[in-house]
Amino acid sequence: MAALDLLGRRWTLRVIWELHVDGAPIGFRDLQRRCDDMSSSVLSTRLTELREAGIAAPTSTAAQPAWHLTSLGDDLVTAMGPLLDWSRAWAERR
């Protein structure tokens, strides 16, 4: 239930998707832009929650900190693959 609670929070799945899509660490501002300019406070909260859950982690670069999925986060994306397949089939029926 805790996982469903976390994943059901507004913007959480979008943040996970954006961290996954390129596979490279993303800076806070770039991540914010990729998430349709969501508020910085919501993004900060979601990143904190994902960090505490072990799904995402900050990486330091010379210029600025960036975020990436952890191996647990990668496992989550893999586990959600069947849901993505189902949602595509569902969308085609509509």
Protein backbone atom coordinates (compact mmCIF):
# COMPACT_ATOMS: atom_id res chain seq x y z
CA MET A 1 0.00 0.00 0.00
CA ALA A 2 2.88 2.36 0.70
CA ALA A 3 4.20 1.93 -2.85
CA LEU A 4 0.77 2.59 -4.35
CA ASP A 5 0.41 5.66 -2.16
CA LEU A 6 3.75 7.03 -3.35
CA LEU A 7 3.13 6.23 -7.02
CA GLY A 8 -0.37 7.69 -6.87
CA ARG A 9 0.79 11.13 -5.79
CA ARG A 10 0.47 13.88 -8.36
CA TRP A 11 3.47 14.08 -10.71
CA THR A 12 5.31 11.09 -9.21
CA LEU A 13 4.98 8.82 -12.25
CA ARG A 14 5.89 11.69 -14.57
CA VAL A 15 9.07 12.40 -12.62
CA ILE A 16 10.00 8.70 -12.72
CA TRP A 17 9.32 8.60 -16.47
CA GLU A 18 11.45 11.67 -17.16
CA LEU A 19 14.32 10.26 -15.09
CA HIS A 20 14.04 7.01 -17.03
CA VAL A 21 13.51 8.17 -20.60
CA ASP A 22 17.10 9.25 -21.43
CA GLY A 23 18.85 7.22 -18.77
CA ALA A 24 21.21 10.11 -18.00
CA PRO A 25 21.13 12.24 -14.85
CA ILE A 26 18.93 15.33 -15.17
CA GLY A 27 19.38 18.64 -13.39
CA PHE A 28 16.53 20.08 -11.35
CA ARG A 29 15.64 22.87 -13.80
CA ASP A 30 15.76 20.56 -16.83
CA LEU A 31 13.58 18.06 -15.00
CA GLN A 32 11.16 20.83 -14.10
CA ARG A 33 10.91 21.90 -17.77
CA ARG A 34 10.39 18.30 -18.90
CA CYS A 35 7.52 18.06 -16.42
CA ASP A 36 5.67 20.94 -18.05
CA ASP A 37 7.16 23.52 -15.69
CA MET A 38 5.62 22.01 -12.57
CA SER A 39 6.17 24.08 -9.47
CA SER A 40 9.61 23.82 -7.94
CA SER A 41 8.15 23.06 -4.51
CA VAL A 42 6.16 20.06 -5.80
CA LEU A 43 9.17 18.77 -7.75
CA SER A 44 11.39 19.16 -4.71
CA THR A 45 8.88 17.27 -2.58
CA ARG A 46 8.53 14.44 -5.12
CA LEU A 47 12.30 14.08 -5.50
CA THR A 48 12.68 13.95 -1.72
CA GLU A 49 10.01 11.26 -1.49
CA LEU A 50 11.59 9.24 -4.30
CA ARG A 51 15.02 9.59 -2.66
CA GLU A 52 13.66 8.43 0.70
CA ALA A 53 12.02 5.45 -1.04
CA GLY A 54 15.32 4.55 -2.72
CA ILE A 55 13.91 5.07 -6.23
CA ALA A 56 15.89 8.17 -7.22
CA ALA A 57 19.13 9.72 -6.05
CA PRO A 58 21.06 12.93 -6.62
CA THR A 59 24.33 12.82 -8.48
CA SER A 60 26.84 15.62 -8.22
CA THR A 61 28.47 16.96 -11.34
CA ALA A 62 30.96 19.77 -11.49
CA ALA A 63 28.31 22.28 -12.53
CA GLN A 64 25.20 21.24 -10.59
CA PRO A 65 23.53 18.32 -8.84
CA ALA A 66 21.45 16.07 -11.07
CA TRP A 67 18.98 13.25 -10.47
CA HIS A 68 18.86 9.68 -11.72
CA LEU A 69 16.97 6.48 -11.03
CA THR A 70 18.63 4.00 -8.73
CA SER A 71 18.72 0.30 -9.57
CA LEU A 72 15.52 -0.02 -7.52
CA GLY A 73 13.99 2.73 -9.67
CA ASP A 74 15.05 0.89 -12.83
CA ASP A 75 13.44 -2.27 -11.42
CA LEU A 76 10.24 -0.31 -10.82
CA VAL A 77 10.15 0.88 -14.44
CA THR A 78 10.69 -2.72 -15.60
CA ALA A 79 7.92 -3.95 -13.31
CA MET A 80 5.57 -1.33 -14.73
CA GLY A 81 6.18 -2.58 -18.29
CA PRO A 82 3.10 -4.84 -18.34
CA LEU A 83 0.96 -1.93 -17.13
CA LEU A 84 2.28 0.18 -20.01
CA ASP A 85 1.43 -2.64 -22.45
CA TRP A 86 -2.06 -2.91 -20.98
CA SER A 87 -2.62 0.85 -21.14
CA ARG A 88 -1.64 0.93 -24.84
CA ALA A 89 -4.13 -1.85 -25.62
CA TRP A 90 -6.79 -0.08 -23.57
CA ALA A 91 -6.16 3.21 -25.39
CA GLU A 92 -6.57 1.50 -28.78
CA ARG A 93 -10.01 0.22 -27.74
CA ARG A 94 -11.24 3.69 -26.85
